[in-house]
Amino acid sequence: DRGPRRPLSKTSRNPAFPSDGKYRTKRRCLALCSRGVTARYRHLLEDLRVLMPHHKKESKLDYDGKGTGMGGLGRAVNDVAEVRGCNAALFLECRRRRDAYLW
């Protein structure tokens, strides 16, 4: 009784999850929020991150709406996701500190 068994490391000869040799494209999702998000919604976003196996965390998006040209906020979110190498994005926007929208 040496305690619970841990999966073998990737460098060992018998990995815990053997590969079948096929390449699988992993869906990478960027999770970020706007400025002014309350602690309640920040914890909600953290719970969503826990559920997603392949996510990338980004801090708050500071969007002022000036000088970005056409596209607005959606383009800014897509640009950040592209720079971070993500296929998709979750954006939590908080308005008037009580309404939250997940885009």
PDB file of N, CA and C in Angstrom:
ATOM      1  N   ASP A   1       0.839  -1.185   0.000  1.00  0.00           N
ATOM      2  CA  ASP A   1       0.000   0.000   0.000  1.00  0.00           C
ATOM      3  C   ASP A   1       0.879   1.242   0.000  1.00  0.00           C
ATOM      4  N   ARG A   2       1.326   1.626  -1.177  1.00  0.00           N
ATOM      5  CA  ARG A   2       2.171   2.814  -1.299  1.00  0.00           C
ATOM      6  C   ARG A   2       1.360   4.032  -1.717  1.00  0.00           C
ATOM      7  N   GLY A   3       0.055   4.011  -1.604  1.00  0.00           N
ATOM      8  CA  GLY A   3      -0.766   5.150  -1.971  1.00  0.00           C
ATOM      9  C   GLY A   3      -1.369   4.980  -3.349  1.00  0.00           C
ATOM     10  N   PRO A   4      -2.035   6.015  -3.846  1.00  0.00           N
ATOM     11  CA  PRO A   4      -2.676   5.917  -5.163  1.00  0.00           C
ATOM     12  C   PRO A   4      -1.646   5.830  -6.286  1.00  0.00           C
ATOM     13  N   ARG A   5      -2.015   5.144  -7.335  1.00  0.00           N
ATOM     14  CA  ARG A   5      -1.114   4.982  -8.478  1.00  0.00           C
ATOM     15  C   ARG A   5      -1.231   6.175  -9.393  1.00  0.00           C
ATOM     16  N   ARG A   6      -0.107   6.691  -9.807  1.00  0.00           N
ATOM     17  CA  ARG A   6      -0.070   7.821 -10.735  1.00  0.00           C
ATOM     18  C   ARG A   6       0.171   7.299 -12.141  1.00  0.00           C
ATOM     19  N   PRO A   7      -0.343   8.013 -13.148  1.00  0.00           N
ATOM     20  CA  PRO A   7      -0.025   7.591 -14.523  1.00  0.00           C
ATOM     21  C   PRO A   7       1.458   7.785 -14.800  1.00  0.00           C
ATOM     22  N   LEU A   8       1.992   6.958 -15.666  1.00  0.00           N
ATOM     23  CA  LEU A   8       3.403   7.033 -16.004  1.00  0.00           C
ATOM     24  C   LEU A   8       3.681   8.305 -16.789  1.00  0.00           C
ATOM     25  N   SER A   9       4.880   8.796 -16.687  1.00  0.00           N
ATOM     26  CA  SER A   9       5.235  10.036 -17.382  1.00  0.00           C
ATOM     27  C   SER A   9       5.355   9.789 -18.884  1.00  0.00           C
ATOM     28  N   LYS A  10       5.433  10.884 -19.659  1.00  0.00           N
ATOM     29  CA  LYS A  10       5.522  10.792 -21.114  1.00  0.00           C
ATOM     30  C   LYS A  10       6.840  10.186 -21.564  1.00  0.00           C
ATOM     31  N   THR A  11       7.851  10.273 -20.722  1.00  0.00           N
ATOM     32  CA  THR A  11       9.157   9.769 -21.121  1.00  0.00           C
ATOM     33  C   THR A  11       9.307   8.273 -20.860  1.00  0.00           C
ATOM     34  N   SER A  12       8.359   7.670 -20.170  1.00  0.00           N
ATOM     35  CA  SER A  12       8.499   6.249 -19.864  1.00  0.00           C
ATOM     36  C   SER A  12       8.134   5.410 -21.095  1.00  0.00           C
ATOM     37  N   ARG A  13       8.464   4.129 -21.041  1.00  0.00           N
ATOM     38  CA  ARG A  13       8.214   3.248 -22.180  1.00  0.00           C
ATOM     39  C   ARG A  13       6.749   2.849 -22.300  1.00  0.00           C
ATOM     40  N   ASN A  14       6.032   2.796 -21.206  1.00  0.00           N
ATOM     41  CA  ASN A  14       4.618   2.421 -21.214  1.00  0.00           C
ATOM     42  C   ASN A  14       3.783   3.622 -20.766  1.00  0.00           C
ATOM     43  N   PRO A  15       3.397   4.483 -21.686  1.00  0.00           N
ATOM     44  CA  PRO A  15       2.648   5.680 -21.285  1.00  0.00           C
ATOM     45  C   PRO A  15       1.256   5.324 -20.766  1.00  0.00           C
ATOM     46  N   ALA A  16       0.694   6.195 -19.951  1.00  0.00           N
ATOM     47  CA  ALA A  16      -0.625   5.958 -19.378  1.00  0.00           C
ATOM     48  C   ALA A  16      -1.703   6.010 -20.463  1.00  0.00           C
ATOM     49  N   PHE A  17      -1.511   6.846 -21.497  1.00  0.00           N
ATOM     50  CA  PHE A  17      -2.462   6.959 -22.593  1.00  0.00           C
ATOM     51  C   PHE A  17      -1.718   6.660 -23.886  1.00  0.00           C
ATOM     52  N   PRO A  18      -1.726   5.408 -24.323  1.00  0.00           N
ATOM     53  CA  PRO A  18      -0.956   5.059 -25.523  1.00  0.00           C
ATOM     54  C   PRO A  18      -1.527   5.738 -26.764  1.00  0.00           C
ATOM     55  N   SER A  19      -0.647   6.132 -27.649  1.00  0.00           N
ATOM     56  CA  SER A  19      -1.033   6.799 -28.882  1.00  0.00           C
ATOM     57  C   SER A  19      -1.256   5.762 -29.971  1.00  0.00           C
ATOM     58  N   ASP A  20      -2.246   6.025 -30.831  1.00  0.00           N
ATOM     59  CA  ASP A  20      -2.478   5.117 -31.937  1.00  0.00           C
ATOM     60  C   ASP A  20      -1.734   5.563 -33.187  1.00  0.00           C
ATOM     61  N   GLY A  21      -0.927   6.623 -33.073  1.00  0.00           N
ATOM     62  CA  GLY A  21      -0.105   7.073 -34.175  1.00  0.00           C
ATOM     63  C   GLY A  21      -0.770   8.087 -35.091  1.00  0.00           C
ATOM     64  N   LYS A  22      -2.044   8.384 -34.860  1.00  0.00           N
ATOM     65  CA  LYS A  22      -2.744   9.353 -35.701  1.00  0.00           C
ATOM     66  C   LYS A  22      -2.640  10.740 -35.077  1.00  0.00           C
ATOM     67  N   TYR A  23      -2.471  11.737 -35.952  1.00  0.00           N
ATOM     68  CA  TYR A  23      -2.417  13.116 -35.478  1.00  0.00           C
ATOM     69  C   TYR A  23      -3.829  13.653 -35.330  1.00  0.00           C
ATOM     70  N   ARG A  24      -4.108  14.273 -34.198  1.00  0.00           N
ATOM     71  CA  ARG A  24      -5.421  14.873 -33.975  1.00  0.00           C
ATOM     72  C   ARG A  24      -5.248  16.369 -33.778  1.00  0.00           C
ATOM     73  N   THR A  25      -6.051  17.126 -34.476  1.00  0.00           N
ATOM     74  CA  THR A  25      -6.008  18.568 -34.328  1.00  0.00           C
ATOM     75  C   THR A  25      -6.738  18.939 -33.040  1.00  0.00           C
ATOM     76  N   LYS A  26      -6.044  19.621 -32.173  1.00  0.00           N
ATOM     77  CA  LYS A  26      -6.657  20.028 -30.916  1.00  0.00           C
ATOM     78  C   LYS A  26      -7.280  21.400 -31.094  1.00  0.00           C
ATOM     79  N   ARG A  27      -8.459  21.556 -30.594  1.00  0.00           N
ATOM     80  CA  ARG A  27      -9.180  22.823 -30.671  1.00  0.00           C
ATOM     81  C   ARG A  27      -8.703  23.690 -29.522  1.00  0.00           C
ATOM     82  N   ARG A  28      -8.031  24.783 -29.845  1.00  0.00           N
ATOM     83  CA  ARG A  28      -7.523  25.681 -28.810  1.00  0.00           C
ATOM     84  C   ARG A  28      -8.480  26.855 -28.681  1.00  0.00           C
ATOM     85  N   CYS A  29      -8.921  27.108 -27.465  1.00  0.00           N
ATOM     86  CA  CYS A  29      -9.910  28.147 -27.226  1.00  0.00           C
ATOM     87  C   CYS A  29      -9.317  29.191 -26.282  1.00  0.00           C
ATOM     88  N   LEU A  30      -9.406  30.438 -26.676  1.00  0.00           N
ATOM     89  CA  LEU A  30      -8.939  31.550 -25.856  1.00  0.00           C
ATOM     90  C   LEU A  30     -10.084  32.012 -24.972  1.00  0.00           C
ATOM     91  N   ALA A  31      -9.854  32.133 -23.678  1.00  0.00           N
ATOM     92  CA  ALA A  31     -10.864  32.599 -22.732  1.00  0.00           C
ATOM     93  C   ALA A  31     -10.388  33.917 -22.131  1.00  0.00           C
ATOM     94  N   LEU A  32     -11.167  34.971 -22.349  1.00  0.00           N
ATOM     95  CA  LEU A  32     -10.790  36.281 -21.824  1.00  0.00           C
ATOM     96  C   LEU A  32     -12.033  37.069 -21.465  1.00  0.00           C
ATOM     97  N   CYS A  33     -11.839  38.151 -20.736  1.00  0.00           N
ATOM     98  CA  CYS A  33     -12.952  38.978 -20.307  1.00  0.00           C
ATOM     99  C   CYS A  33     -12.610  40.444 -20.508  1.00  0.00           C
ATOM    100  N   SER A  34     -13.635  41.273 -20.420  1.00  0.00           N
ATOM    101  CA  SER A  34     -13.432  42.707 -20.582  1.00  0.00           C
ATOM    102  C   SER A  34     -13.040  43.321 -19.237  1.00  0.00           C
ATOM    103  N   ARG A  35     -12.667  44.556 -19.275  1.00  0.00           N
ATOM    104  CA  ARG A  35     -12.367  45.268 -18.037  1.00  0.00           C
ATOM    105  C   ARG A  35     -13.652  45.551 -17.286  1.00  0.00           C
ATOM    106  N   GLY A  36     -13.550  45.614 -15.965  1.00  0.00           N
ATOM    107  CA  GLY A  36     -14.711  45.923 -15.137  1.00  0.00           C
ATOM    108  C   GLY A  36     -15.540  44.721 -14.763  1.00  0.00           C
ATOM    109  N   VAL A  37     -15.028  43.523 -14.968  1.00  0.00           N
ATOM    110  CA  VAL A  37     -15.753  42.312 -14.616  1.00  0.00           C
ATOM    111  C   VAL A  37     -15.644  42.107 -13.106  1.00  0.00           C
ATOM    112  N   THR A  38     -16.754  41.813 -12.479  1.00  0.00           N
ATOM    113  CA  THR A  38     -16.759  41.599 -11.037  1.00  0.00           C
ATOM    114  C   THR A  38     -16.162  40.234 -10.702  1.00  0.00           C
ATOM    115  N   ALA A  39     -15.907  40.030  -9.430  1.00  0.00           N
ATOM    116  CA  ALA A  39     -15.294  38.777  -8.980  1.00  0.00           C
ATOM    117  C   ALA A  39     -16.198  37.584  -9.275  1.00  0.00           C
ATOM    118  N   ARG A  40     -17.485  37.792  -9.189  1.00  0.00           N
ATOM    119  CA  ARG A  40     -18.436  36.709  -9.452  1.00  0.00           C
ATOM    120  C   ARG A  40     -18.308  36.193 -10.882  1.00  0.00           C
ATOM    121  N   TYR A  41     -18.237  37.102 -11.844  1.00  0.00           N
ATOM    122  CA  TYR A  41     -18.113  36.692 -13.237  1.00  0.00           C
ATOM    123  C   TYR A  41     -16.711  36.197 -13.562  1.00  0.00           C
ATOM    124  N   ARG A  42     -15.707  36.705 -12.865  1.00  0.00           N
ATOM    125  CA  ARG A  42     -14.340  36.210 -13.052  1.00  0.00           C
ATOM    126  C   ARG A  42     -14.247  34.752 -12.610  1.00  0.00           C
ATOM    127  N   HIS A  43     -14.920  34.412 -11.513  1.00  0.00           N
ATOM    128  CA  HIS A  43     -14.938  33.017 -11.052  1.00  0.00           C
ATOM    129  C   HIS A  43     -15.739  32.136 -12.009  1.00  0.00           C
ATOM    130  N   LEU A  44     -16.786  32.690 -12.619  1.00  0.00           N
ATOM    131  CA  LEU A  44     -17.538  31.936 -13.623  1.00  0.00           C
ATOM    132  C   LEU A  44     -16.645  31.589 -14.806  1.00  0.00           C
ATOM    133  N   LEU A  45     -15.873  32.552 -15.264  1.00  0.00           N
ATOM    134  CA  LEU A  45     -14.965  32.302 -16.380  1.00  0.00           C
ATOM    135  C   LEU A  45     -13.898  31.285 -15.996  1.00  0.00           C
ATOM    136  N   GLU A  46     -13.434  31.336 -14.766  1.00  0.00           N
ATOM    137  CA  GLU A  46     -12.443  30.354 -14.304  1.00  0.00           C
ATOM    138  C   GLU A  46     -13.044  28.947 -14.268  1.00  0.00           C
ATOM    139  N   ASP A  47     -14.314  28.816 -13.875  1.00  0.00           N
ATOM    140  CA  ASP A  47     -14.982  27.518 -13.893  1.00  0.00           C
ATOM    141  C   ASP A  47     -15.140  26.998 -15.326  1.00  0.00           C
ATOM    142  N   LEU A  48     -15.396  27.886 -16.272  1.00  0.00           N
ATOM    143  CA  LEU A  48     -15.476  27.471 -17.677  1.00  0.00           C
ATOM    144  C   LEU A  48     -14.117  27.004 -18.185  1.00  0.00           C
ATOM    145  N   ARG A  49     -13.065  27.664 -17.734  1.00  0.00           N
ATOM    146  CA  ARG A  49     -11.712  27.256 -18.139  1.00  0.00           C
ATOM    147  C   ARG A  49     -11.375  25.873 -17.629  1.00  0.00           C
ATOM    148  N   VAL A  50     -11.831  25.558 -16.426  1.00  0.00           N
ATOM    149  CA  VAL A  50     -11.557  24.238 -15.856  1.00  0.00           C
ATOM    150  C   VAL A  50     -12.218  23.145 -16.697  1.00  0.00           C
ATOM    151  N   LEU A  51     -13.381  23.442 -17.268  1.00  0.00           N
ATOM    152  CA  LEU A  51     -14.098  22.449 -18.068  1.00  0.00           C
ATOM    153  C   LEU A  51     -13.473  22.219 -19.443  1.00  0.00           C
ATOM    154  N   MET A  52     -12.730  23.193 -19.943  1.00  0.00           N
ATOM    155  CA  MET A  52     -12.138  23.072 -21.275  1.00  0.00           C
ATOM    156  C   MET A  52     -10.725  22.506 -21.178  1.00  0.00           C
ATOM    157  N   PRO A  53     -10.447  21.402 -21.872  1.00  0.00           N
ATOM    158  CA  PRO A  53      -9.115  20.807 -21.761  1.00  0.00           C
ATOM    159  C   PRO A  53      -8.021  21.599 -22.462  1.00  0.00           C
ATOM    160  N   HIS A  54      -8.334  22.246 -23.591  1.00  0.00           N
ATOM    161  CA  HIS A  54      -7.313  22.948 -24.369  1.00  0.00           C
ATOM    162  C   HIS A  54      -7.674  24.422 -24.446  1.00  0.00           C
ATOM    163  N   HIS A  55      -7.440  25.135 -23.371  1.00  0.00           N
ATOM    164  CA  HIS A  55      -7.736  26.558 -23.372  1.00  0.00           C
ATOM    165  C   HIS A  55      -6.455  27.350 -23.140  1.00  0.00           C
ATOM    166  N   LYS A  56      -6.512  28.589 -23.521  1.00  0.00           N
ATOM    167  CA  LYS A  56      -5.420  29.512 -23.232  1.00  0.00           C
ATOM    168  C   LYS A  56      -6.019  30.688 -22.489  1.00  0.00           C
ATOM    169  N   LYS A  57      -5.354  31.085 -21.448  1.00  0.00           N
ATOM    170  CA  LYS A  57      -5.859  32.157 -20.606  1.00  0.00           C
ATOM    171  C   LYS A  57      -5.253  33.480 -21.045  1.00  0.00           C
ATOM    172  N   GLU A  58      -6.099  34.465 -21.141  1.00  0.00           N
ATOM    173  CA  GLU A  58      -5.649  35.813 -21.478  1.00  0.00           C
ATOM    174  C   GLU A  58      -6.233  36.746 -20.429  1.00  0.00           C
ATOM    175  N   SER A  59      -5.466  37.751 -20.069  1.00  0.00           N
ATOM    176  CA  SER A  59      -5.973  38.712 -19.098  1.00  0.00           C
ATOM    177  C   SER A  59      -7.017  39.601 -19.759  1.00  0.00           C
ATOM    178  N   LYS A  60      -7.403  40.615 -19.095  1.00  0.00           N
ATOM    179  CA  LYS A  60      -8.489  41.474 -19.559  1.00  0.00           C
ATOM    180  C   LYS A  60      -8.175  42.123 -20.901  1.00  0.00           C
ATOM    181  N   LEU A  61      -9.205  42.277 -21.704  1.00  0.00           N
ATOM    182  CA  LEU A  61      -9.077  42.956 -22.984  1.00  0.00           C
ATOM    183  C   LEU A  61      -9.410  44.418 -22.765  1.00  0.00           C
ATOM    184  N   ASP A  62      -8.449  45.286 -23.030  1.00  0.00           N
ATOM    185  CA  ASP A  62      -8.659  46.720 -22.884  1.00  0.00           C
ATOM    186  C   ASP A  62      -9.004  47.282 -24.249  1.00  0.00           C
ATOM    187  N   TYR A  63     -10.271  47.511 -24.460  1.00  0.00           N
ATOM    188  CA  TYR A  63     -10.760  47.991 -25.752  1.00  0.00           C
ATOM    189  C   TYR A  63     -11.394  49.358 -25.539  1.00  0.00           C
ATOM    190  N   ASP A  64     -10.880  50.368 -26.235  1.00  0.00           N
ATOM    191  CA  ASP A  64     -11.437  51.705 -26.082  1.00  0.00           C
ATOM    192  C   ASP A  64     -12.296  52.114 -27.271  1.00  0.00           C
ATOM    193  N   GLY A  65     -12.246  51.385 -28.372  1.00  0.00           N
ATOM    194  CA  GLY A  65     -13.082  51.678 -29.531  1.00  0.00           C
ATOM    195  C   GLY A  65     -12.507  52.718 -30.468  1.00  0.00           C
ATOM    196  N   LYS A  66     -11.296  53.185 -30.207  1.00  0.00           N
ATOM    197  CA  LYS A  66     -10.702  54.218 -31.052  1.00  0.00           C
ATOM    198  C   LYS A  66      -9.524  53.635 -31.827  1.00  0.00           C
ATOM    199  N   GLY A  67      -9.432  53.991 -33.078  1.00  0.00           N
ATOM    200  CA  GLY A  67      -8.258  53.646 -33.868  1.00  0.00           C
ATOM    201  C   GLY A  67      -8.176  52.208 -34.323  1.00  0.00           C
ATOM    202  N   THR A  68      -9.236  51.411 -34.164  1.00  0.00           N
ATOM    203  CA  THR A  68      -9.170  50.015 -34.579  1.00  0.00           C
ATOM    204  C   THR A  68      -9.728  49.812 -35.974  1.00  0.00           C
ATOM    205  N   GLY A  69     -10.347  50.829 -36.553  1.00  0.00           N
ATOM    206  CA  GLY A  69     -10.886  50.694 -37.895  1.00  0.00           C
ATOM    207  C   GLY A  69     -12.189  49.921 -37.876  1.00  0.00           C
ATOM    208  N   MET A  70     -12.458  49.198 -38.950  1.00  0.00           N
ATOM    209  CA  MET A  70     -13.715  48.463 -39.054  1.00  0.00           C
ATOM    210  C   MET A  70     -13.632  47.176 -38.248  1.00  0.00           C
ATOM    211  N   GLY A  71     -14.759  46.745 -37.740  1.00  0.00           N
ATOM    212  CA  GLY A  71     -14.803  45.470 -37.031  1.00  0.00           C
ATOM    213  C   GLY A  71     -15.062  45.635 -35.552  1.00  0.00           C
ATOM    214  N   GLY A  72     -14.515  46.633 -34.929  1.00  0.00           N
ATOM    215  CA  GLY A  72     -14.782  46.919 -33.526  1.00  0.00           C
ATOM    216  C   GLY A  72     -14.258  45.871 -32.570  1.00  0.00           C
ATOM    217  N   LEU A  73     -15.071  45.597 -31.566  1.00  0.00           N
ATOM    218  CA  LEU A  73     -14.674  44.699 -30.480  1.00  0.00           C
ATOM    219  C   LEU A  73     -14.466  43.269 -30.966  1.00  0.00           C
ATOM    220  N   GLY A  74     -15.340  42.793 -31.855  1.00  0.00           N
ATOM    221  CA  GLY A  74     -15.200  41.435 -32.372  1.00  0.00           C
ATOM    222  C   GLY A  74     -13.881  41.229 -33.088  1.00  0.00           C
ATOM    223  N   ARG A  75     -13.459  42.226 -33.851  1.00  0.00           N
ATOM    224  CA  ARG A  75     -12.178  42.120 -34.544  1.00  0.00           C
ATOM    225  C   ARG A  75     -11.024  42.112 -33.553  1.00  0.00           C
ATOM    226  N   ALA A  76     -11.130  42.910 -32.492  1.00  0.00           N
ATOM    227  CA  ALA A  76     -10.068  42.940 -31.480  1.00  0.00           C
ATOM    228  C   ALA A  76      -9.923  41.575 -30.799  1.00  0.00           C
ATOM    229  N   VAL A  77     -11.052  40.935 -30.484  1.00  0.00           N
ATOM    230  CA  VAL A  77     -11.016  39.597 -29.862  1.00  0.00           C
ATOM    231  C   VAL A  77     -10.409  38.586 -30.826  1.00  0.00           C
ATOM    232  N   ASN A  78     -10.803  38.632 -32.098  1.00  0.00           N
ATOM    233  CA  ASN A  78     -10.252  37.705 -33.093  1.00  0.00           C
ATOM    234  C   ASN A  78      -8.761  37.911 -33.309  1.00  0.00           C
ATOM    235  N   ASP A  79      -8.323  39.157 -33.276  1.00  0.00           N
ATOM    236  CA  ASP A  79      -6.891  39.430 -33.437  1.00  0.00           C
ATOM    237  C   ASP A  79      -6.078  38.866 -32.281  1.00  0.00           C
ATOM    238  N   VAL A  80      -6.583  39.019 -31.070  1.00  0.00           N
ATOM    239  CA  VAL A  80      -5.875  38.472 -29.903  1.00  0.00           C
ATOM    240  C   VAL A  80      -5.826  36.949 -29.996  1.00  0.00           C
ATOM    241  N   ALA A  81      -6.936  36.326 -30.411  1.00  0.00           N
ATOM    242  CA  ALA A  81      -6.976  34.864 -30.545  1.00  0.00           C
ATOM    243  C   ALA A  81      -5.997  34.384 -31.612  1.00  0.00           C
ATOM    244  N   GLU A  82      -5.895  35.126 -32.710  1.00  0.00           N
ATOM    245  CA  GLU A  82      -4.979  34.736 -33.777  1.00  0.00           C
ATOM    246  C   GLU A  82      -3.524  34.846 -33.333  1.00  0.00           C
ATOM    247  N   VAL A  83      -3.209  35.902 -32.596  1.00  0.00           N
ATOM    248  CA  VAL A  83      -1.840  36.080 -32.108  1.00  0.00           C
ATOM    249  C   VAL A  83      -1.463  34.961 -31.134  1.00  0.00           C
ATOM    250  N   ARG A  84      -2.413  34.530 -30.323  1.00  0.00           N
ATOM    251  CA  ARG A  84      -2.140  33.462 -29.359  1.00  0.00           C
ATOM    252  C   ARG A  84      -2.237  32.069 -29.970  1.00  0.00           C
ATOM    253  N   GLY A  85      -2.609  31.966 -31.248  1.00  0.00           N
ATOM    254  CA  GLY A  85      -2.664  30.670 -31.921  1.00  0.00           C
ATOM    255  C   GLY A  85      -3.886  29.853 -31.563  1.00  0.00           C
ATOM    256  N   CYS A  86      -5.027  30.506 -31.386  1.00  0.00           N
ATOM    257  CA  CYS A  86      -6.248  29.811 -30.989  1.00  0.00           C
ATOM    258  C   CYS A  86      -7.236  29.739 -32.152  1.00  0.00           C
ATOM    259  N   ASN A  87      -8.033  28.662 -32.165  1.00  0.00           N
ATOM    260  CA  ASN A  87      -9.044  28.466 -33.191  1.00  0.00           C
ATOM    261  C   ASN A  87     -10.355  29.149 -32.830  1.00  0.00           C
ATOM    262  N   ALA A  88     -10.639  29.300 -31.542  1.00  0.00           N
ATOM    263  CA  ALA A  88     -11.906  29.857 -31.084  1.00  0.00           C
ATOM    264  C   ALA A  88     -11.648  30.778 -29.901  1.00  0.00           C
ATOM    265  N   ALA A  89     -12.674  31.538 -29.543  1.00  0.00           N
ATOM    266  CA  ALA A  89     -12.527  32.473 -28.427  1.00  0.00           C
ATOM    267  C   ALA A  89     -13.817  32.552 -27.624  1.00  0.00           C
ATOM    268  N   LEU A  90     -13.684  32.642 -26.317  1.00  0.00           N
ATOM    269  CA  LEU A  90     -14.786  32.938 -25.406  1.00  0.00           C
ATOM    270  C   LEU A  90     -14.515  34.304 -24.817  1.00  0.00           C
ATOM    271  N   PHE A  91     -15.459  35.214 -24.976  1.00  0.00           N
ATOM    272  CA  PHE A  91     -15.274  36.569 -24.465  1.00  0.00           C
ATOM    273  C   PHE A  91     -16.414  36.887 -23.517  1.00  0.00           C
ATOM    274  N   LEU A  92     -16.098  37.162 -22.271  1.00  0.00           N
ATOM    275  CA  LEU A  92     -17.083  37.514 -21.257  1.00  0.00           C
ATOM    276  C   LEU A  92     -17.071  39.018 -21.081  1.00  0.00           C
ATOM    277  N   GLU A  93     -18.184  39.637 -21.441  1.00  0.00           N
ATOM    278  CA  GLU A  93     -18.297  41.090 -21.347  1.00  0.00           C
ATOM    279  C   GLU A  93     -19.264  41.439 -20.233  1.00  0.00           C
ATOM    280  N   CYS A  94     -18.886  42.368 -19.404  1.00  0.00           N
ATOM    281  CA  CYS A  94     -19.720  42.782 -18.283  1.00  0.00           C
ATOM    282  C   CYS A  94     -20.152  44.227 -18.524  1.00  0.00           C
ATOM    283  N   ARG A  95     -21.464  44.454 -18.506  1.00  0.00           N
ATOM    284  CA  ARG A  95     -22.006  45.802 -18.710  1.00  0.00           C
ATOM    285  C   ARG A  95     -22.730  46.250 -17.450  1.00  0.00           C
ATOM    286  N   ARG A  96     -22.474  47.437 -17.053  1.00  0.00           N
ATOM    287  CA  ARG A  96     -23.082  48.056 -15.874  1.00  0.00           C
ATOM    288  C   ARG A  96     -22.882  47.227 -14.606  1.00  0.00           C
ATOM    289  N   ARG A  97     -21.838  46.413 -14.590  1.00  0.00           N
ATOM    290  CA  ARG A  97     -21.434  45.603 -13.445  1.00  0.00           C
ATOM    291  C   ARG A  97     -22.501  44.632 -12.933  1.00  0.00           C
ATOM    292  N   ARG A  98     -23.537  44.373 -13.745  1.00  0.00           N
ATOM    293  CA  ARG A  98     -24.509  43.383 -13.315  1.00  0.00           C
ATOM    294  C   ARG A  98     -24.949  42.454 -14.433  1.00  0.00           C
ATOM    295  N   ASP A  99     -24.761  42.838 -15.680  1.00  0.00           N
ATOM    296  CA  ASP A  99     -25.131  41.985 -16.806  1.00  0.00           C
ATOM    297  C   ASP A  99     -23.867  41.441 -17.451  1.00  0.00           C
ATOM    298  N   ALA A 100     -23.835  40.133 -17.642  1.00  0.00           N
ATOM    299  CA  ALA A 100     -22.682  39.506 -18.288  1.00  0.00           C
ATOM    300  C   ALA A 100     -23.138  38.838 -19.579  1.00  0.00           C
ATOM    301  N   TYR A 101     -22.355  39.024 -20.622  1.00  0.00           N
ATOM    302  CA  TYR A 101     -22.628  38.432 -21.927  1.00  0.00           C
ATOM    303  C   TYR A 101     -21.431  37.600 -22.346  1.00  0.00           C
ATOM    304  N   LEU A 102     -21.695  36.374 -22.754  1.00  0.00           N
ATOM    305  CA  LEU A 102     -20.646  35.488 -23.223  1.00  0.00           C
ATOM    306  C   LEU A 102     -20.729  35.418 -24.733  1.00  0.00           C
ATOM    307  N   TRP A 103     -19.691  35.890 -25.405  1.00  0.00           N
ATOM    308  CA  TRP A 103     -19.647  35.916 -26.863  1.00  0.00           C
ATOM    309  C   TRP A 103     -18.729  34.825 -27.354  1.00  0.00           C
TER     310      TRP A 103
END
